[in-house]
């Protein structure tokens, strides 16, 4: 698989991050996610939440649900 043109400035090889970014675009463009979803801001938010919860997951604490600041319900 190839890195989408929108991501080639920052990412050189296809990874799970590229897959998620493209999935968000496809969902947004097909009306599943709100039209205003910013892929870059959403990625930063997800990375931040993942880092904040890394230790909790490592010790087996229950997962938590979050509502993104960047996705309208």
PDB file of N, CA and C in Angstrom:
ATOM      1  N   UNK A   1       0.848  -1.182   0.000  1.00  0.00           N
ATOM      2  CA  UNK A   1       0.000   0.000   0.000  1.00  0.00           C
ATOM      3  C   UNK A   1       0.892   1.243   0.000  1.00  0.00           C
ATOM      4  N   UNK A   2       0.345   2.311  -0.526  1.00  0.00           N
ATOM      5  CA  UNK A   2       1.097   3.548  -0.648  1.00  0.00           C
ATOM      6  C   UNK A   2       0.638   4.576   0.377  1.00  0.00           C
ATOM      7  N   UNK A   3       1.542   5.469   0.712  1.00  0.00           N
ATOM      8  CA  UNK A   3       1.213   6.588   1.587  1.00  0.00           C
ATOM      9  C   UNK A   3       0.438   7.607   0.761  1.00  0.00           C
ATOM     10  N   UNK A   4      -0.766   8.017   1.214  1.00  0.00           N
ATOM     11  CA  UNK A   4      -1.540   9.013   0.461  1.00  0.00           C
ATOM     12  C   UNK A   4      -0.749  10.317   0.294  1.00  0.00           C
ATOM     13  N   UNK A   5      -0.991  10.994  -0.798  1.00  0.00           N
ATOM     14  CA  UNK A   5      -0.258  12.220  -1.114  1.00  0.00           C
ATOM     15  C   UNK A   5      -0.314  13.243   0.028  1.00  0.00           C
ATOM     16  N   UNK A   6      -1.456  13.320   0.723  1.00  0.00           N
ATOM     17  CA  UNK A   6      -1.602  14.288   1.815  1.00  0.00           C
ATOM     18  C   UNK A   6      -0.601  14.044   2.949  1.00  0.00           C
ATOM     19  N   UNK A   7      -0.088  12.822   3.062  1.00  0.00           N
ATOM     20  CA  UNK A   7       0.769  12.467   4.190  1.00  0.00           C
ATOM     21  C   UNK A   7       2.241  12.343   3.831  1.00  0.00           C
ATOM     22  N   UNK A   8       2.597  12.457   2.563  1.00  0.00           N
ATOM     23  CA  UNK A   8       3.976  12.169   2.152  1.00  0.00           C
ATOM     24  C   UNK A   8       5.007  13.161   2.686  1.00  0.00           C
ATOM     25  N   UNK A   9       4.599  14.371   3.044  1.00  0.00           N
ATOM     26  CA  UNK A   9       5.562  15.331   3.608  1.00  0.00           C
ATOM     27  C   UNK A   9       6.091  14.861   4.949  1.00  0.00           C
ATOM     28  N   UNK A  10       5.241  14.184   5.746  1.00  0.00           N
ATOM     29  CA  UNK A  10       5.604  13.819   7.110  1.00  0.00           C
ATOM     30  C   UNK A  10       5.899  12.332   7.281  1.00  0.00           C
ATOM     31  N   UNK A  11       5.350  11.501   6.415  1.00  0.00           N
ATOM     32  CA  UNK A  11       5.443  10.056   6.592  1.00  0.00           C
ATOM     33  C   UNK A  11       5.980   9.439   5.309  1.00  0.00           C
ATOM     34  N   UNK A  12       7.005   8.593   5.440  1.00  0.00           N
ATOM     35  CA  UNK A  12       7.612   8.033   4.233  1.00  0.00           C
ATOM     36  C   UNK A  12       7.197   6.593   3.957  1.00  0.00           C
ATOM     37  N   UNK A  13       6.732   5.859   4.976  1.00  0.00           N
ATOM     38  CA  UNK A  13       6.330   4.477   4.737  1.00  0.00           C
ATOM     39  C   UNK A  13       4.942   4.210   5.310  1.00  0.00           C
ATOM     40  N   UNK A  14       4.273   3.231   4.727  1.00  0.00           N
ATOM     41  CA  UNK A  14       2.915   2.896   5.137  1.00  0.00           C
ATOM     42  C   UNK A  14       2.943   2.219   6.507  1.00  0.00           C
ATOM     43  N   UNK A  15       2.225   2.796   7.467  1.00  0.00           N
ATOM     44  CA  UNK A  15       2.144   2.257   8.830  1.00  0.00           C
ATOM     45  C   UNK A  15       0.690   2.277   9.277  1.00  0.00           C
ATOM     46  N   UNK A  16       0.441   1.813  10.497  1.00  0.00           N
ATOM     47  CA  UNK A  16      -0.920   1.844  11.029  1.00  0.00           C
ATOM     48  C   UNK A  16      -1.428   3.275  11.159  1.00  0.00           C
ATOM     49  N   UNK A  17      -0.537   4.212  11.404  1.00  0.00           N
ATOM     50  CA  UNK A  17      -0.950   5.617  11.507  1.00  0.00           C
ATOM     51  C   UNK A  17      -1.491   6.098  10.157  1.00  0.00           C
ATOM     52  N   UNK A  18      -0.800   5.744   9.091  1.00  0.00           N
ATOM     53  CA  UNK A  18      -1.258   6.121   7.748  1.00  0.00           C
ATOM     54  C   UNK A  18      -2.632   5.509   7.484  1.00  0.00           C
ATOM     55  N   UNK A  19      -2.801   4.252   7.856  1.00  0.00           N
ATOM     56  CA  UNK A  19      -4.078   3.560   7.645  1.00  0.00           C
ATOM     57  C   UNK A  19      -5.205   4.271   8.387  1.00  0.00           C
ATOM     58  N   UNK A  20      -4.978   4.625   9.648  1.00  0.00           N
ATOM     59  CA  UNK A  20      -6.017   5.297  10.444  1.00  0.00           C
ATOM     60  C   UNK A  20      -6.318   6.679   9.869  1.00  0.00           C
ATOM     61  N   UNK A  21      -5.291   7.423   9.495  1.00  0.00           N
ATOM     62  CA  UNK A  21      -5.509   8.751   8.914  1.00  0.00           C
ATOM     63  C   UNK A  21      -6.361   8.661   7.656  1.00  0.00           C
ATOM     64  N   UNK A  22      -6.058   7.685   6.796  1.00  0.00           N
ATOM     65  CA  UNK A  22      -6.830   7.531   5.562  1.00  0.00           C
ATOM     66  C   UNK A  22      -8.247   7.049   5.866  1.00  0.00           C
ATOM     67  N   UNK A  23      -8.398   6.170   6.854  1.00  0.00           N
ATOM     68  CA  UNK A  23      -9.736   5.703   7.240  1.00  0.00           C
ATOM     69  C   UNK A  23     -10.585   6.872   7.732  1.00  0.00           C
ATOM     70  N   UNK A  24      -9.998   7.769   8.502  1.00  0.00           N
ATOM     71  CA  UNK A  24     -10.729   8.951   8.985  1.00  0.00           C
ATOM     72  C   UNK A  24     -11.165   9.810   7.797  1.00  0.00           C
ATOM     73  N   UNK A  25     -10.277  10.003   6.828  1.00  0.00           N
ATOM     74  CA  UNK A  25     -10.645  10.786   5.645  1.00  0.00           C
ATOM     75  C   UNK A  25     -11.798  10.152   4.880  1.00  0.00           C
ATOM     76  N   UNK A  26     -11.719   8.839   4.682  1.00  0.00           N
ATOM     77  CA  UNK A  26     -12.776   8.143   3.930  1.00  0.00           C
ATOM     78  C   UNK A  26     -14.099   8.232   4.683  1.00  0.00           C
ATOM     79  N   UNK A  27     -14.072   8.023   5.995  1.00  0.00           N
ATOM     80  CA  UNK A  27     -15.299   8.117   6.785  1.00  0.00           C
ATOM     81  C   UNK A  27     -15.865   9.534   6.751  1.00  0.00           C
ATOM     82  N   UNK A  28     -14.997  10.521   6.853  1.00  0.00           N
ATOM     83  CA  UNK A  28     -15.430  11.927   6.791  1.00  0.00           C
ATOM     84  C   UNK A  28     -16.017  12.244   5.418  1.00  0.00           C
ATOM     85  N   UNK A  29     -15.322  11.846   4.375  1.00  0.00           N
ATOM     86  CA  UNK A  29     -15.750  12.177   3.015  1.00  0.00           C
ATOM     87  C   UNK A  29     -17.038  11.466   2.608  1.00  0.00           C
ATOM     88  N   UNK A  30     -17.391  10.391   3.309  1.00  0.00           N
ATOM     89  CA  UNK A  30     -18.620   9.652   3.013  1.00  0.00           C
ATOM     90  C   UNK A  30     -19.730   9.934   4.025  1.00  0.00           C
ATOM     91  N   UNK A  31     -19.542  10.978   4.836  1.00  0.00           N
ATOM     92  CA  UNK A  31     -20.591  11.424   5.736  1.00  0.00           C
ATOM     93  C   UNK A  31     -20.759  10.630   7.020  1.00  0.00           C
ATOM     94  N   UNK A  32     -19.837   9.714   7.309  1.00  0.00           N
ATOM     95  CA  UNK A  32     -19.913   8.943   8.550  1.00  0.00           C
ATOM     96  C   UNK A  32     -19.410   9.791   9.716  1.00  0.00           C
ATOM     97  N   UNK A  33     -18.337  10.531   9.493  1.00  0.00           N
ATOM     98  CA  UNK A  33     -17.829  11.498  10.469  1.00  0.00           C
ATOM     99  C   UNK A  33     -18.190  12.892   9.983  1.00  0.00           C
ATOM    100  N   UNK A  34     -18.231  13.838  10.898  1.00  0.00           N
ATOM    101  CA  UNK A  34     -18.612  15.200  10.522  1.00  0.00           C
ATOM    102  C   UNK A  34     -17.599  15.793   9.545  1.00  0.00           C
ATOM    103  N   UNK A  35     -18.059  16.651   8.651  1.00  0.00           N
ATOM    104  CA  UNK A  35     -17.194  17.216   7.605  1.00  0.00           C
ATOM    105  C   UNK A  35     -16.011  18.022   8.143  1.00  0.00           C
ATOM    106  N   UNK A  36     -16.126  18.518   9.357  1.00  0.00           N
ATOM    107  CA  UNK A  36     -15.069  19.359   9.903  1.00  0.00           C
ATOM    108  C   UNK A  36     -13.942  18.621  10.602  1.00  0.00           C
ATOM    109  N   UNK A  37     -13.936  17.296  10.567  1.00  0.00           N
ATOM    110  CA  UNK A  37     -12.899  16.536  11.267  1.00  0.00           C
ATOM    111  C   UNK A  37     -11.531  16.852  10.667  1.00  0.00           C
ATOM    112  N   UNK A  38     -10.615  17.310  11.510  1.00  0.00           N
ATOM    113  CA  UNK A  38      -9.248  17.617  11.099  1.00  0.00           C
ATOM    114  C   UNK A  38      -8.367  16.421  11.452  1.00  0.00           C
ATOM    115  N   UNK A  39      -7.834  15.749  10.444  1.00  0.00           N
ATOM    116  CA  UNK A  39      -7.070  14.519  10.643  1.00  0.00           C
ATOM    117  C   UNK A  39      -5.847  14.766  11.528  1.00  0.00           C
ATOM    118  N   UNK A  40      -5.148  15.872  11.316  1.00  0.00           N
ATOM    119  CA  UNK A  40      -3.945  16.159  12.094  1.00  0.00           C
ATOM    120  C   UNK A  40      -4.267  16.381  13.570  1.00  0.00           C
ATOM    121  N   UNK A  41      -5.292  17.177  13.836  1.00  0.00           N
ATOM    122  CA  UNK A  41      -5.673  17.434  15.227  1.00  0.00           C
ATOM    123  C   UNK A  41      -6.176  16.167  15.913  1.00  0.00           C
ATOM    124  N   UNK A  42      -6.935  15.368  15.179  1.00  0.00           N
ATOM    125  CA  UNK A  42      -7.441  14.115  15.741  1.00  0.00           C
ATOM    126  C   UNK A  42      -6.283  13.170  16.065  1.00  0.00           C
ATOM    127  N   UNK A  43      -5.309  13.081  15.180  1.00  0.00           N
ATOM    128  CA  UNK A  43      -4.146  12.223  15.448  1.00  0.00           C
ATOM    129  C   UNK A  43      -3.412  12.675  16.705  1.00  0.00           C
ATOM    130  N   UNK A  44      -3.171  13.980  16.833  1.00  0.00           N
ATOM    131  CA  UNK A  44      -2.473  14.492  18.018  1.00  0.00           C
ATOM    132  C   UNK A  44      -3.248  14.192  19.287  1.00  0.00           C
ATOM    133  N   UNK A  45      -4.572  14.339  19.225  1.00  0.00           N
ATOM    134  CA  UNK A  45      -5.410  14.039  20.379  1.00  0.00           C
ATOM    135  C   UNK A  45      -5.309  12.555  20.749  1.00  0.00           C
ATOM    136  N   UNK A  46      -5.370  11.688  19.763  1.00  0.00           N
ATOM    137  CA  UNK A  46      -5.308  10.250  20.023  1.00  0.00           C
ATOM    138  C   UNK A  46      -3.955   9.826  20.585  1.00  0.00           C
ATOM    139  N   UNK A  47      -2.884  10.380  20.050  1.00  0.00           N
ATOM    140  CA  UNK A  47      -1.550  10.064  20.562  1.00  0.00           C
ATOM    141  C   UNK A  47      -1.432  10.524  22.011  1.00  0.00           C
ATOM    142  N   UNK A  48      -1.924  11.711  22.299  1.00  0.00           N
ATOM    143  CA  UNK A  48      -1.875  12.246  23.666  1.00  0.00           C
ATOM    144  C   UNK A  48      -2.662  11.367  24.634  1.00  0.00           C
ATOM    145  N   UNK A  49      -3.861  10.952  24.235  1.00  0.00           N
ATOM    146  CA  UNK A  49      -4.662  10.076  25.098  1.00  0.00           C
ATOM    147  C   UNK A  49      -3.984   8.722  25.285  1.00  0.00           C
ATOM    148  N   UNK A  50      -3.393   8.203  24.220  1.00  0.00           N
ATOM    149  CA  UNK A  50      -2.685   6.929  24.319  1.00  0.00           C
ATOM    150  C   UNK A  50      -1.516   7.008  25.278  1.00  0.00           C
ATOM    151  N   UNK A  51      -0.744   8.073  25.189  1.00  0.00           N
ATOM    152  CA  UNK A  51       0.395   8.245  26.083  1.00  0.00           C
ATOM    153  C   UNK A  51      -0.058   8.417  27.526  1.00  0.00           C
ATOM    154  N   UNK A  52      -1.127   9.161  27.727  1.00  0.00           N
ATOM    155  CA  UNK A  52      -1.635   9.396  29.081  1.00  0.00           C
ATOM    156  C   UNK A  52      -2.156   8.116  29.728  1.00  0.00           C
ATOM    157  N   UNK A  53      -2.609   7.171  28.922  1.00  0.00           N
ATOM    158  CA  UNK A  53      -3.198   5.941  29.454  1.00  0.00           C
ATOM    159  C   UNK A  53      -2.296   4.719  29.297  1.00  0.00           C
ATOM    160  N   UNK A  54      -1.087   4.919  28.832  1.00  0.00           N
ATOM    161  CA  UNK A  54      -0.165   3.813  28.580  1.00  0.00           C
ATOM    162  C   UNK A  54       0.069   2.950  29.823  1.00  0.00           C
ATOM    163  N   UNK A  55       0.376   3.562  30.927  1.00  0.00           N
ATOM    164  CA  UNK A  55       0.661   2.815  32.148  1.00  0.00           C
ATOM    165  C   UNK A  55      -0.569   2.057  32.637  1.00  0.00           C
ATOM    166  N   UNK A  56      -1.735   2.684  32.579  1.00  0.00           N
ATOM    167  CA  UNK A  56      -2.980   2.032  33.005  1.00  0.00           C
ATOM    168  C   UNK A  56      -3.227   0.748  32.216  1.00  0.00           C
ATOM    169  N   UNK A  57      -3.016   0.810  30.921  1.00  0.00           N
ATOM    170  CA  UNK A  57      -3.218  -0.352  30.065  1.00  0.00           C
ATOM    171  C   UNK A  57      -2.188  -1.431  30.395  1.00  0.00           C
ATOM    172  N   UNK A  58      -0.956  -1.006  30.630  1.00  0.00           N
ATOM    173  CA  UNK A  58       0.122  -1.957  30.913  1.00  0.00           C
ATOM    174  C   UNK A  58      -0.137  -2.761  32.179  1.00  0.00           C
ATOM    175  N   UNK A  59      -0.803  -2.152  33.160  1.00  0.00           N
ATOM    176  CA  UNK A  59      -1.068  -2.871  34.419  1.00  0.00           C
ATOM    177  C   UNK A  59      -2.455  -3.496  34.440  1.00  0.00           C
ATOM    178  N   UNK A  60      -3.155  -3.444  33.318  1.00  0.00           N
ATOM    179  CA  UNK A  60      -4.428  -4.150  33.194  1.00  0.00           C
ATOM    180  C   UNK A  60      -5.650  -3.436  33.737  1.00  0.00           C
ATOM    181  N   UNK A  61      -5.566  -2.139  33.921  1.00  0.00           N
ATOM    182  CA  UNK A  61      -6.738  -1.399  34.379  1.00  0.00           C
ATOM    183  C   UNK A  61      -7.768  -1.334  33.252  1.00  0.00           C
ATOM    184  N   UNK A  62      -9.034  -1.197  33.619  1.00  0.00           N
ATOM    185  CA  UNK A  62     -10.080  -1.138  32.583  1.00  0.00           C
ATOM    186  C   UNK A  62      -9.869   0.053  31.648  1.00  0.00           C
ATOM    187  N   UNK A  63     -10.289  -0.132  30.408  1.00  0.00           N
ATOM    188  CA  UNK A  63     -10.166   0.947  29.432  1.00  0.00           C
ATOM    189  C   UNK A  63     -11.203   2.029  29.716  1.00  0.00           C
ATOM    190  N   UNK A  64     -10.980   3.183  29.133  1.00  0.00           N
ATOM    191  CA  UNK A  64     -11.890   4.308  29.289  1.00  0.00           C
ATOM    192  C   UNK A  64     -12.353   4.761  27.907  1.00  0.00           C
ATOM    193  N   UNK A  65     -13.545   5.316  27.859  1.00  0.00           N
ATOM    194  CA  UNK A  65     -14.060   5.887  26.620  1.00  0.00           C
ATOM    195  C   UNK A  65     -13.842   7.394  26.645  1.00  0.00           C
ATOM    196  N   UNK A  66     -13.521   7.950  25.513  1.00  0.00           N
ATOM    197  CA  UNK A  66     -13.332   9.381  25.368  1.00  0.00           C
ATOM    198  C   UNK A  66     -14.154   9.881  24.188  1.00  0.00           C
ATOM    199  N   UNK A  67     -14.611  11.103  24.285  1.00  0.00           N
ATOM    200  CA  UNK A  67     -15.276  11.760  23.165  1.00  0.00           C
ATOM    201  C   UNK A  67     -14.305  12.802  22.653  1.00  0.00           C
ATOM    202  N   UNK A  68     -13.983  12.707  21.390  1.00  0.00           N
ATOM    203  CA  UNK A  68     -13.000  13.607  20.805  1.00  0.00           C
ATOM    204  C   UNK A  68     -13.488  15.045  20.788  1.00  0.00           C
ATOM    205  N   UNK A  69     -12.543  15.952  20.943  1.00  0.00           N
ATOM    206  CA  UNK A  69     -12.850  17.378  20.788  1.00  0.00           C
ATOM    207  C   UNK A  69     -13.089  17.715  19.321  1.00  0.00           C
ATOM    208  N   UNK A  70     -12.620  16.843  18.436  1.00  0.00           N
ATOM    209  CA  UNK A  70     -12.606  17.149  17.015  1.00  0.00           C
ATOM    210  C   UNK A  70     -13.630  16.403  16.182  1.00  0.00           C
ATOM    211  N   UNK A  71     -14.441  15.598  16.815  1.00  0.00           N
ATOM    212  CA  UNK A  71     -15.484  14.853  16.088  1.00  0.00           C
ATOM    213  C   UNK A  71     -16.834  15.172  16.723  1.00  0.00           C
ATOM    214  N   UNK A  72     -17.745  15.726  15.950  1.00  0.00           N
ATOM    215  CA  UNK A  72     -19.082  15.975  16.448  1.00  0.00           C
ATOM    216  C   UNK A  72     -19.846  14.670  16.485  1.00  0.00           C
ATOM    217  N   UNK A  73     -20.724  14.550  17.462  1.00  0.00           N
ATOM    218  CA  UNK A  73     -21.527  13.328  17.574  1.00  0.00           C
ATOM    219  C   UNK A  73     -22.645  13.343  16.554  1.00  0.00           C
TER     220      UNK A  73
END
